[in-house]
Amino acid sequence: MSSSGIDRHITIFSEQGRLYQVEEGSRGYPELLSSAAQNPGAEADAGYQDKLIDPSSVSHLFQISPSVGCVMTGSIADARAFAQRAQGEAAEFRYKYGYEMPCDVLAKRLANISQVYTQRAYMRPYGVATTLISLDSEFGPQLFKCDPAGYYVGYKGTAAGPKQQEAINHLEKKLKNKDRAEGTWEDVVELAITTLSTVLSMDFKKGEIEIGIVGGPRRDGKEGTDPGFRTLTEDEIDDRLQAIAEKD
């Protein structure tokens, strides 16, 4: 049985022990960049080939809990379903223990769920990579990525998609000998945009990308940072694009 043939069963292993369904799910990622610093950020390429689609109805950014956000890279249908599962897990944890589910605990739980889907003949793995960000009161900036096989790990900066290795190489150069990216949340967002723009060899407009952050300015205008997750507005994204253009 080869991965290029027709699978007559839902779960197909090769002689080398590879699971074709997991590999096929992993090939479905569109471009994504996520970088963590004093203010972790998540960014997704929101370019749609169909110009009649309402962009506000298709998003890869999801708020899992007040303090945890995620970007799902891959099938949007699977992304919505898996995001709802993650929201349910976070809500159940909050109800049971009385405090918000930490990002690392949620990442481990979602990875365990994904791994179970590789064992059952009547299930197929979710065709998404899940990147979680949070600003933990104890551990600081948190960034975890889970793949369809159930593997998860924490990062200083990461990417998923066809150009992920190029993006990771770019981030490695920028974050070399650093525990995390330096600067304000604006600097972190600009690093994410610049990296994505570099590896894709294109310039973005404000409606072509989605950006989510934690640890940004307080919404009430007072001093300090907001530990909650939120997505940037198009005007805020445009401000960062203008700042990058001025530096160039």
C-alpha atoms as a PDB file:
ATOM      1  CA  MET A   1       0.000   0.000   0.000  1.00  0.00           C
ATOM      2  CA  SER A   2       1.435   3.400  -0.953  1.00  0.00           C
ATOM      3  CA  SER A   3       0.408   6.832   0.219  1.00  0.00           C
ATOM      4  CA  SER A   4      -0.284   7.808  -3.409  1.00  0.00           C
ATOM      5  CA  GLY A   5      -2.837   5.037  -3.883  1.00  0.00           C
ATOM      6  CA  ILE A   6      -6.403   4.738  -2.672  1.00  0.00           C
ATOM      7  CA  ASP A   7      -6.675   4.067   1.049  1.00  0.00           C
ATOM      8  CA  ARG A   8      -9.168   1.261   1.628  1.00  0.00           C
ATOM      9  CA  HIS A   9      -8.979   1.758   5.379  1.00  0.00           C
ATOM     10  CA  ILE A  10      -9.076   4.910   7.477  1.00  0.00           C
ATOM     11  CA  THR A  11      -5.813   4.164   9.286  1.00  0.00           C
ATOM     12  CA  ILE A  12      -2.976   3.004   7.002  1.00  0.00           C
ATOM     13  CA  PHE A  13       0.555   2.245   8.194  1.00  0.00           C
ATOM     14  CA  SER A  14       3.554   1.751   5.909  1.00  0.00           C
ATOM     15  CA  GLU A  15       6.174  -0.930   6.419  1.00  0.00           C
ATOM     16  CA  GLN A  16       8.323   1.711   8.118  1.00  0.00           C
ATOM     17  CA  GLY A  17       5.583   2.413  10.654  1.00  0.00           C
ATOM     18  CA  ARG A  18       4.541   5.741   9.133  1.00  0.00           C
ATOM     19  CA  LEU A  19       0.887   6.702   9.371  1.00  0.00           C
ATOM     20  CA  TYR A  20      -0.207   8.087   6.014  1.00  0.00           C
ATOM     21  CA  GLN A  21      -3.258   9.906   7.380  1.00  0.00           C
ATOM     22  CA  VAL A  22      -1.076  11.944   9.734  1.00  0.00           C
ATOM     23  CA  GLU A  23       1.290  12.810   6.894  1.00  0.00           C
ATOM     24  CA  GLU A  24      -1.579  13.834   4.630  1.00  0.00           C
ATOM     25  CA  GLY A  25      -3.040  15.983   7.402  1.00  0.00           C
ATOM     26  CA  SER A  26       0.324  17.652   7.929  1.00  0.00           C
ATOM     27  CA  ARG A  27       0.581  18.556   4.238  1.00  0.00           C
ATOM     28  CA  GLY A  28      -2.568  20.653   4.449  1.00  0.00           C
ATOM     29  CA  TYR A  29      -1.055  23.607   6.322  1.00  0.00           C
ATOM     30  CA  PRO A  30      -1.210  27.037   4.701  1.00  0.00           C
ATOM     31  CA  GLU A  31       1.374  29.640   5.711  1.00  0.00           C
ATOM     32  CA  LEU A  32       1.571  30.684   9.351  1.00  0.00           C
ATOM     33  CA  LEU A  33       4.062  32.467  11.523  1.00  0.00           C
ATOM     34  CA  SER A  34       3.975  32.664  15.294  1.00  0.00           C
ATOM     35  CA  SER A  35       6.605  34.307  17.442  1.00  0.00           C
ATOM     36  CA  ALA A  36       6.870  34.683  21.208  1.00  0.00           C
ATOM     37  CA  ALA A  37       8.553  37.457  23.140  1.00  0.00           C
ATOM     38  CA  GLN A  38       7.663  39.809  25.971  1.00  0.00           C
ATOM     39  CA  ASN A  39       4.353  39.922  24.131  1.00  0.00           C
ATOM     40  CA  PRO A  40       3.669  36.698  22.219  1.00  0.00           C
ATOM     41  CA  GLY A  41       1.944  37.102  18.892  1.00  0.00           C
ATOM     42  CA  ALA A  42       0.302  34.847  16.353  1.00  0.00           C
ATOM     43  CA  GLU A  43      -0.037  35.686  12.695  1.00  0.00           C
ATOM     44  CA  ALA A  44      -1.820  33.987   9.812  1.00  0.00           C
ATOM     45  CA  ASP A  45      -1.855  34.705   6.106  1.00  0.00           C
ATOM     46  CA  ALA A  46      -5.464  35.568   5.307  1.00  0.00           C
ATOM     47  CA  GLY A  47      -5.175  35.733   1.527  1.00  0.00           C
ATOM     48  CA  TYR A  48      -8.213  34.180  -0.191  1.00  0.00           C
ATOM     49  CA  GLN A  49      -8.279  33.202  -3.852  1.00  0.00           C
ATOM     50  CA  ASP A  50     -12.041  33.738  -4.112  1.00  0.00           C
ATOM     51  CA  LYS A  51     -12.544  37.512  -4.077  1.00  0.00           C
ATOM     52  CA  LEU A  52     -16.249  37.136  -3.256  1.00  0.00           C
ATOM     53  CA  ILE A  53     -15.564  35.594   0.162  1.00  0.00           C
ATOM     54  CA  ASP A  54     -16.282  37.805   3.164  1.00  0.00           C
ATOM     55  CA  PRO A  55     -12.929  37.741   5.029  1.00  0.00           C
ATOM     56  CA  SER A  56     -14.615  38.275   8.402  1.00  0.00           C
ATOM     57  CA  SER A  57     -16.355  34.899   8.045  1.00  0.00           C
ATOM     58  CA  VAL A  58     -13.105  32.936   7.641  1.00  0.00           C
ATOM     59  CA  SER A  59     -10.582  33.264  10.449  1.00  0.00           C
ATOM     60  CA  HIS A  60      -7.770  31.014  11.634  1.00  0.00           C
ATOM     61  CA  LEU A  61      -7.434  32.880  14.952  1.00  0.00           C
ATOM     62  CA  PHE A  62      -9.494  31.684  17.917  1.00  0.00           C
ATOM     63  CA  GLN A  63      -9.818  32.761  21.540  1.00  0.00           C
ATOM     64  CA  ILE A  64      -9.769  29.591  23.636  1.00  0.00           C
ATOM     65  CA  SER A  65     -10.071  31.293  27.031  1.00  0.00           C
ATOM     66  CA  PRO A  66      -9.644  34.872  28.256  1.00  0.00           C
ATOM     67  CA  SER A  67      -5.887  34.331  28.564  1.00  0.00           C
ATOM     68  CA  VAL A  68      -5.160  31.796  25.781  1.00  0.00           C
ATOM     69  CA  GLY A  69      -5.416  32.322  22.055  1.00  0.00           C
ATOM     70  CA  CYS A  70      -4.528  30.088  19.151  1.00  0.00           C
ATOM     71  CA  VAL A  71      -4.022  30.012  15.423  1.00  0.00           C
ATOM     72  CA  MET A  72      -5.131  26.894  13.576  1.00  0.00           C
ATOM     73  CA  THR A  73      -3.197  26.181  10.398  1.00  0.00           C
ATOM     74  CA  GLY A  74      -4.834  23.869   7.881  1.00  0.00           C
ATOM     75  CA  SER A  75      -8.391  22.864   7.023  1.00  0.00           C
ATOM     76  CA  ILE A  76     -10.725  25.622   8.239  1.00  0.00           C
ATOM     77  CA  ALA A  77     -13.481  23.073   8.921  1.00  0.00           C
ATOM     78  CA  ASP A  78     -11.159  21.008  11.119  1.00  0.00           C
ATOM     79  CA  ALA A  79      -9.838  24.214  12.678  1.00  0.00           C
ATOM     80  CA  ARG A  80     -13.282  25.300  13.837  1.00  0.00           C
ATOM     81  CA  ALA A  81     -14.124  21.869  15.204  1.00  0.00           C
ATOM     82  CA  PHE A  82     -10.816  21.527  17.055  1.00  0.00           C
ATOM     83  CA  ALA A  83     -11.038  25.090  18.394  1.00  0.00           C
ATOM     84  CA  GLN A  84     -14.476  24.308  19.837  1.00  0.00           C
ATOM     85  CA  ARG A  85     -13.023  21.205  21.472  1.00  0.00           C
ATOM     86  CA  ALA A  86     -10.205  23.290  22.950  1.00  0.00           C
ATOM     87  CA  GLN A  87     -12.683  25.875  24.239  1.00  0.00           C
ATOM     88  CA  GLY A  88     -14.703  23.110  25.862  1.00  0.00           C
ATOM     89  CA  GLU A  89     -11.614  21.654  27.534  1.00  0.00           C
ATOM     90  CA  ALA A  90     -10.607  25.081  28.866  1.00  0.00           C
ATOM     91  CA  ALA A  91     -14.123  25.820  30.139  1.00  0.00           C
ATOM     92  CA  GLU A  92     -14.377  22.433  31.867  1.00  0.00           C
ATOM     93  CA  PHE A  93     -10.999  22.977  33.550  1.00  0.00           C
ATOM     94  CA  ARG A  94     -12.118  26.441  34.759  1.00  0.00           C
ATOM     95  CA  TYR A  95     -15.352  25.024  36.167  1.00  0.00           C
ATOM     96  CA  LYS A  96     -13.611  22.088  37.862  1.00  0.00           C
ATOM     97  CA  TYR A  97     -10.563  23.807  39.370  1.00  0.00           C
ATOM     98  CA  GLY A  98     -11.649  27.439  39.691  1.00  0.00           C
ATOM     99  CA  TYR A  99      -8.888  29.048  37.614  1.00  0.00           C
ATOM    100  CA  GLU A 100      -7.967  29.388  33.952  1.00  0.00           C
ATOM    101  CA  MET A 101      -6.358  26.414  32.232  1.00  0.00           C
ATOM    102  CA  PRO A 102      -2.623  27.124  31.768  1.00  0.00           C
ATOM    103  CA  CYS A 103      -1.343  27.166  28.207  1.00  0.00           C
ATOM    104  CA  ASP A 104       1.057  24.247  28.701  1.00  0.00           C
ATOM    105  CA  VAL A 105      -1.660  22.095  30.279  1.00  0.00           C
ATOM    106  CA  LEU A 106      -4.038  22.854  27.412  1.00  0.00           C
ATOM    107  CA  ALA A 107      -1.337  22.037  24.850  1.00  0.00           C
ATOM    108  CA  LYS A 108      -0.707  18.681  26.500  1.00  0.00           C
ATOM    109  CA  ARG A 109      -4.427  17.899  26.593  1.00  0.00           C
ATOM    110  CA  LEU A 110      -4.957  18.769  22.923  1.00  0.00           C
ATOM    111  CA  ALA A 111      -1.902  16.738  21.932  1.00  0.00           C
ATOM    112  CA  ASN A 112      -3.283  13.731  23.806  1.00  0.00           C
ATOM    113  CA  ILE A 113      -6.614  14.102  22.010  1.00  0.00           C
ATOM    114  CA  SER A 114      -4.869  14.302  18.625  1.00  0.00           C
ATOM    115  CA  GLN A 115      -2.775  11.239  19.400  1.00  0.00           C
ATOM    116  CA  VAL A 116      -5.865   9.166  20.207  1.00  0.00           C
ATOM    117  CA  TYR A 117      -7.260  10.038  16.766  1.00  0.00           C
ATOM    118  CA  THR A 118      -4.265   8.257  15.202  1.00  0.00           C
ATOM    119  CA  GLN A 119      -5.130   5.007  17.023  1.00  0.00           C
ATOM    120  CA  ARG A 120      -8.770   4.519  16.087  1.00  0.00           C
ATOM    121  CA  ALA A 121      -9.783   2.960  12.770  1.00  0.00           C
ATOM    122  CA  TYR A 122     -13.053   4.909  12.734  1.00  0.00           C
ATOM    123  CA  MET A 123     -11.364   8.309  13.203  1.00  0.00           C
ATOM    124  CA  ARG A 124      -9.086  10.448  11.063  1.00  0.00           C
ATOM    125  CA  PRO A 125      -6.581  12.952  12.478  1.00  0.00           C
ATOM    126  CA  TYR A 126      -7.484  16.632  12.430  1.00  0.00           C
ATOM    127  CA  GLY A 127      -5.729  18.274   9.484  1.00  0.00           C
ATOM    128  CA  VAL A 128      -4.486  21.253  11.484  1.00  0.00           C
ATOM    129  CA  ALA A 129      -1.438  22.459  13.351  1.00  0.00           C
ATOM    130  CA  THR A 130      -2.434  24.227  16.562  1.00  0.00           C
ATOM    131  CA  THR A 131      -0.289  27.067  17.897  1.00  0.00           C
ATOM    132  CA  LEU A 132      -1.235  28.342  21.367  1.00  0.00           C
ATOM    133  CA  ILE A 133      -0.062  31.603  22.944  1.00  0.00           C
ATOM    134  CA  SER A 134      -0.513  32.947  26.454  1.00  0.00           C
ATOM    135  CA  LEU A 135       1.084  35.274  28.998  1.00  0.00           C
ATOM    136  CA  ASP A 136       1.394  33.133  32.121  1.00  0.00           C
ATOM    137  CA  SER A 137       1.606  34.877  35.503  1.00  0.00           C
ATOM    138  CA  GLU A 138       4.219  32.352  36.675  1.00  0.00           C
ATOM    139  CA  PHE A 139       6.191  31.385  33.566  1.00  0.00           C
ATOM    140  CA  GLY A 140       5.764  34.488  31.422  1.00  0.00           C
ATOM    141  CA  PRO A 141       5.270  34.255  27.630  1.00  0.00           C
ATOM    142  CA  GLN A 142       4.077  30.832  26.513  1.00  0.00           C
ATOM    143  CA  LEU A 143       4.081  29.431  22.974  1.00  0.00           C
ATOM    144  CA  PHE A 144       3.223  25.822  22.145  1.00  0.00           C
ATOM    145  CA  LYS A 145       2.607  24.038  18.851  1.00  0.00           C
ATOM    146  CA  CYS A 146       0.745  20.731  18.434  1.00  0.00           C
ATOM    147  CA  ASP A 147       0.677  18.670  15.234  1.00  0.00           C
ATOM    148  CA  PRO A 148      -1.882  16.092  13.993  1.00  0.00           C
ATOM    149  CA  ALA A 149       0.241  13.225  15.334  1.00  0.00           C
ATOM    150  CA  GLY A 150      -0.106  14.479  18.915  1.00  0.00           C
ATOM    151  CA  TYR A 151       3.407  15.891  19.260  1.00  0.00           C
ATOM    152  CA  TYR A 152       3.659  19.190  21.130  1.00  0.00           C
ATOM    153  CA  VAL A 153       6.553  21.337  22.293  1.00  0.00           C
ATOM    154  CA  GLY A 154       7.198  24.868  23.546  1.00  0.00           C
ATOM    155  CA  TYR A 155       9.021  27.435  21.419  1.00  0.00           C
ATOM    156  CA  LYS A 156      10.578  30.888  21.518  1.00  0.00           C
ATOM    157  CA  GLY A 157       9.344  31.308  17.960  1.00  0.00           C
ATOM    158  CA  THR A 158       7.933  28.893  15.404  1.00  0.00           C
ATOM    159  CA  ALA A 159       6.091  28.549  12.111  1.00  0.00           C
ATOM    160  CA  ALA A 160       3.893  26.032  10.304  1.00  0.00           C
ATOM    161  CA  GLY A 161       3.183  25.553   6.626  1.00  0.00           C
ATOM    162  CA  PRO A 162       4.983  24.956   3.327  1.00  0.00           C
ATOM    163  CA  LYS A 163       7.502  27.721   4.114  1.00  0.00           C
ATOM    164  CA  GLN A 164       7.892  26.861   7.784  1.00  0.00           C
ATOM    165  CA  GLN A 165      11.580  25.910   7.616  1.00  0.00           C
ATOM    166  CA  GLU A 166      12.499  29.174   5.891  1.00  0.00           C
ATOM    167  CA  ALA A 167      10.520  31.108   8.515  1.00  0.00           C
ATOM    168  CA  ILE A 168      12.124  29.159  11.361  1.00  0.00           C
ATOM    169  CA  ASN A 169      15.595  29.816   9.915  1.00  0.00           C
ATOM    170  CA  HIS A 170      14.807  33.537   9.780  1.00  0.00           C
ATOM    171  CA  LEU A 171      13.582  33.524  13.378  1.00  0.00           C
ATOM    172  CA  GLU A 172      16.655  31.608  14.532  1.00  0.00           C
ATOM    173  CA  LYS A 173      18.865  34.374  13.165  1.00  0.00           C
ATOM    174  CA  LYS A 174      16.779  37.083  14.830  1.00  0.00           C
ATOM    175  CA  LEU A 175      16.547  35.271  18.180  1.00  0.00           C
ATOM    176  CA  LYS A 176      20.100  33.905  18.250  1.00  0.00           C
ATOM    177  CA  ASN A 177      21.539  33.881  21.795  1.00  0.00           C
ATOM    178  CA  LYS A 178      18.309  35.384  23.152  1.00  0.00           C
ATOM    179  CA  ASP A 179      15.802  33.855  25.531  1.00  0.00           C
ATOM    180  CA  ARG A 180      13.056  35.659  23.648  1.00  0.00           C
ATOM    181  CA  ALA A 181      12.513  38.525  21.248  1.00  0.00           C
ATOM    182  CA  GLU A 182      13.175  41.938  22.723  1.00  0.00           C
ATOM    183  CA  GLY A 183      11.168  45.133  22.605  1.00  0.00           C
ATOM    184  CA  THR A 184       7.536  46.136  22.839  1.00  0.00           C
ATOM    185  CA  TRP A 185       4.542  44.274  21.473  1.00  0.00           C
ATOM    186  CA  GLU A 186       4.796  46.461  18.383  1.00  0.00           C
ATOM    187  CA  ASP A 187       8.358  45.237  17.793  1.00  0.00           C
ATOM    188  CA  VAL A 188       7.271  41.606  18.128  1.00  0.00           C
ATOM    189  CA  VAL A 189       4.400  42.069  15.675  1.00  0.00           C
ATOM    190  CA  GLU A 190       6.727  43.781  13.203  1.00  0.00           C
ATOM    191  CA  LEU A 191       9.194  40.888  13.514  1.00  0.00           C
ATOM    192  CA  ALA A 192       6.393  38.439  12.718  1.00  0.00           C
ATOM    193  CA  ILE A 193       5.212  40.440   9.713  1.00  0.00           C
ATOM    194  CA  THR A 194       8.757  40.918   8.406  1.00  0.00           C
ATOM    195  CA  THR A 195       9.529  37.215   8.704  1.00  0.00           C
ATOM    196  CA  LEU A 196       6.357  36.174   6.905  1.00  0.00           C
ATOM    197  CA  SER A 197       6.886  38.815   4.228  1.00  0.00           C
ATOM    198  CA  THR A 198      10.496  37.707   3.712  1.00  0.00           C
ATOM    199  CA  VAL A 199       9.821  33.985   3.308  1.00  0.00           C
ATOM    200  CA  LEU A 200       6.819  34.563   1.028  1.00  0.00           C
ATOM    201  CA  SER A 201       8.572  37.333  -0.953  1.00  0.00           C
ATOM    202  CA  MET A 202       5.564  39.616  -0.842  1.00  0.00           C
ATOM    203  CA  ASP A 203       4.304  42.774   0.794  1.00  0.00           C
ATOM    204  CA  PHE A 204       1.093  42.628   2.781  1.00  0.00           C
ATOM    205  CA  LYS A 205      -1.895  44.916   2.981  1.00  0.00           C
ATOM    206  CA  LYS A 206      -3.867  45.307   6.181  1.00  0.00           C
ATOM    207  CA  GLY A 207      -6.694  43.014   5.063  1.00  0.00           C
ATOM    208  CA  GLU A 208      -4.401  40.180   4.004  1.00  0.00           C
ATOM    209  CA  ILE A 209      -3.113  39.022   7.395  1.00  0.00           C
ATOM    210  CA  GLU A 210      -4.541  38.276  10.821  1.00  0.00           C
ATOM    211  CA  ILE A 211      -2.616  39.021  14.003  1.00  0.00           C
ATOM    212  CA  GLY A 212      -3.399  38.052  17.585  1.00  0.00           C
ATOM    213  CA  ILE A 213      -1.452  39.115  20.679  1.00  0.00           C
ATOM    214  CA  VAL A 214      -1.345  38.692  24.438  1.00  0.00           C
ATOM    215  CA  GLY A 215       0.369  41.149  26.752  1.00  0.00           C
ATOM    216  CA  GLY A 216      -0.602  44.231  24.773  1.00  0.00           C
ATOM    217  CA  PRO A 217      -1.678  47.589  26.215  1.00  0.00           C
ATOM    218  CA  ARG A 218      -4.660  47.696  28.552  1.00  0.00           C
ATOM    219  CA  ARG A 219      -7.915  48.383  26.766  1.00  0.00           C
ATOM    220  CA  ASP A 220      -8.999  50.919  29.400  1.00  0.00           C
ATOM    221  CA  GLY A 221      -5.981  53.093  28.626  1.00  0.00           C
ATOM    222  CA  LYS A 222      -4.343  52.650  32.032  1.00  0.00           C
ATOM    223  CA  GLU A 223      -0.690  51.734  32.520  1.00  0.00           C
ATOM    224  CA  GLY A 224       0.403  48.103  32.427  1.00  0.00           C
ATOM    225  CA  THR A 225      -0.228  45.185  30.102  1.00  0.00           C
ATOM    226  CA  ASP A 226      -3.373  43.228  29.358  1.00  0.00           C
ATOM    227  CA  PRO A 227      -2.716  39.486  29.883  1.00  0.00           C
ATOM    228  CA  GLY A 228      -5.733  38.586  27.766  1.00  0.00           C
ATOM    229  CA  PHE A 229      -5.721  37.479  24.130  1.00  0.00           C
ATOM    230  CA  ARG A 230      -7.096  39.716  21.413  1.00  0.00           C
ATOM    231  CA  THR A 231      -6.847  40.169  17.663  1.00  0.00           C
ATOM    232  CA  LEU A 232      -5.547  43.380  16.159  1.00  0.00           C
ATOM    233  CA  THR A 233      -7.875  45.563  14.133  1.00  0.00           C
ATOM    234  CA  GLU A 234      -7.104  46.369  10.519  1.00  0.00           C
ATOM    235  CA  ASP A 235      -6.087  49.890  11.551  1.00  0.00           C
ATOM    236  CA  GLU A 236      -3.632  48.523  14.131  1.00  0.00           C
ATOM    237  CA  ILE A 237      -2.187  46.151  11.532  1.00  0.00           C
ATOM    238  CA  ASP A 238      -1.894  49.032   9.074  1.00  0.00           C
ATOM    239  CA  ASP A 239       0.044  51.054  11.680  1.00  0.00           C
ATOM    240  CA  ARG A 240       2.582  48.241  11.983  1.00  0.00           C
ATOM    241  CA  LEU A 241       2.848  47.891   8.199  1.00  0.00           C
ATOM    242  CA  GLN A 242       3.477  51.630   7.922  1.00  0.00           C
ATOM    243  CA  ALA A 243       6.141  51.425  10.641  1.00  0.00           C
ATOM    244  CA  ILE A 244       7.914  48.633   8.740  1.00  0.00           C
ATOM    245  CA  ALA A 245       7.759  50.642   5.500  1.00  0.00           C
ATOM    246  CA  GLU A 246       9.285  53.684   7.222  1.00  0.00           C
ATOM    247  CA  LYS A 247      12.177  51.577   8.564  1.00  0.00           C
ATOM    248  CA  ASP A 248      12.874  50.260   5.069  1.00  0.00           C
END
